[in-house]
Amino acid sequence: MPIRANKSALFYTLLTCLICNVLGSLTPHAVKLADLFKNYSSVFKPRKDLSESVLVNTTFHLNIISEINERLQTMRFIAWLDISWVDEFLILSDDVESLLILKEDIWYPDISVYDAVDDPQTISDGKHVILFQNGHVSWYQGGEYIIRCVIDIRRYPFDAQTCNLRVGAWHTTAWTQRLIDSGKGLDISGYTENGEWEITNTMVESNNSPGFNTSWIRYHIYLKRRPLHPVLNTLIPIVMLSFLNTLVFLLPANSGEKMTLCISVLLAFTVFLTVFNDTMPKMSTTISYLSIYLVVQLGMSVVGIVMSICIWRTKDRENYSTFDFLEHTAHRKDQEGITGTMNANSESVKGHRLSFRLPKNMDGIESIPKCECPEMDGFRGDETDYHMSYSNYSNEFARQMSSKNIRCRREVFSSSKRYSIGEKQKDEKRRQNIEQLDLILFKITFALVLGSTIILLITLLV
C-alpha cells in the first residue's frame, strides 16, 4: 500500500509540473484567445438576443469587365466583396486591437451569387477574417464571376444594356441574417475601363422588408457600347454596299460587268449577314434593326439581279442581227470553199456544197431580192438555196466562180440591209426605252436605299 500511494503522488506531481510548464509557455494573448473561444460555437448566430438578425454590411467593388458575350448572353468580370458584421461573443480586451483568425472558427454569413451561369456560386473561398476589438468582423472575398445578362441587340451598335448581380443567402433565412448595403453602393473607384463597354450608371436594390423570408441585394450595372469599332467595320461598309447596289442600273444593258457587279454585291451582303448572325444571339424575341436592314438590302439585290437579267435578255434579243450573222457565216464558208478548191488535187476533187438559208421578214415571207449572177450548171441565182459543185471544173474556173458567188452574196446582203433599216430604227427606239427604264429603276432603288438608311439611323440613334 505505501508503494502504491507513493506512485500516485509522483504521478500527480509530474502532471502538475507539466501543466504549469505548458501554461507558462503560452503568451497572454493566447490565453485570452483560448478563454474567448472556450464556450464559443460557430453554429449559432452571434447574438445574445436570438430574436435579432445579424446585420451583414456588403460593399461590391468592381475591378474589370472581362467580356460581355452577346451570343451566350453572359458577363464575365473580376470583383471583390467587402463583408462585415458584429459578433457579440467575440469582444477583445483593450490591449488587443485586431486578430487574424480562420473563418471556420467563427460564425460567418451565408452569401451566394444568385445569377451565376452554372449554379448559385457560394462565396466561401476566403480562409481568414479580421476580428477587431469591438467584435467587428471583416471578410474580404474576391474572384472572377460569370453571370447571366440578357442582351437587347435591337439598337446594335448603339445599344445600351443592364446587367444585374444579386447576392444573398442561399441556405439561411432572414431570421438569421439580413444583408444591407454599406452606403457605398457599387464601388467603381478601382475599375479598369473596358474597350468595348462603358459604365454609365450603377444602382443598388435590397429587399429587407419584413414580409420576405430571405434577404438579398441586387446591383444594377448600366452599360453602353462604344460604337466606333462596329460603325467603322460593319455599319459603314453595309451602307456603302447598299448604295453601290443601286449603281447597277447605270451600267449599259449589254455590259457584262453589270451582272458581275450584281452578284458581287449579293455575295457581300450574304457574307455580312452570315458573320452578323454568328455573333448575335439566336433568339426571336429581339432582332437587330441592322439585321433587318441587311435582309432588305439582300432582297433588293436579288430584285436587281432579276431585273438586270430581264433587261439584258431583251437587249440581247434586239441587238441580235440575223443578217450580220448570216453574212459572216456565208463569207466564212466561201473562204473555206476557195481554200479547199485550191488545195485539192484535180484528180480527186470531192464535191463541196455551200448552202445557207436566208431569213424571213416580219410576216414570215422570204423577201431577199434575186441575185443577178451568171447561171451555170449546178448554180441558180434566183433561189434562196445556193449550191456550187466543183467536181468537174478546174481550179482556176472554180476560183472565178467562187469570186462571183461572193460578190453575188454581198449584193444579196446589201439589199437585205437596206430592207432592215426600218427595223434598226425600231431597235434604236427600244434601246432608248431600255435606257429610260434603267434610269427609272436606278431612281427608285436609290430612293428606297436612301429612305431605309435614314430610317435605320434614326431608329438606332433616337
Foldseek 3Di string as FASTA:
>chain_A
DVVVVVVVVVVVVVVVVVVVVVVVPDDPVVVQVCVLLVPADQPAFQDPPLQDAWEKAKEKEWAEWDDQAQAQQKTKGKIKMKIKTFRQSDAADPVFFKDKDFPVSHHDAWKWWCFADPHTHTFDPFGIWMAGNRRMIIDMTIDMTMGGFHDFQALPPFDKGKGKIKMWHDPAWVSHYAYDYPPPAHHHPNYDDDPFKDWDDKDKDWDPDPVGGITMMMIMTIITTDRPVCCVVPVVVLLVLLLQLLCLLVDALQDPVSLVSLVVSLVVLVVSLVVVVVRHHPDDPHDYLVNVVSVVSNVVSVVSNVVSVVLSVVLVVLPDDPLVVQLVVQVVLLVVVLVLLVPDDLVDRDWDWDWDADACDPVRHNDQQFFDADDDVQADRRDRTGTDTDNPDHSVVVNVVSVSVNVRVVVRSVSVVVVCPVSVVVSVVVSVVSSVVSVVSSVVSNVVSVVSVVVSVVVSPD
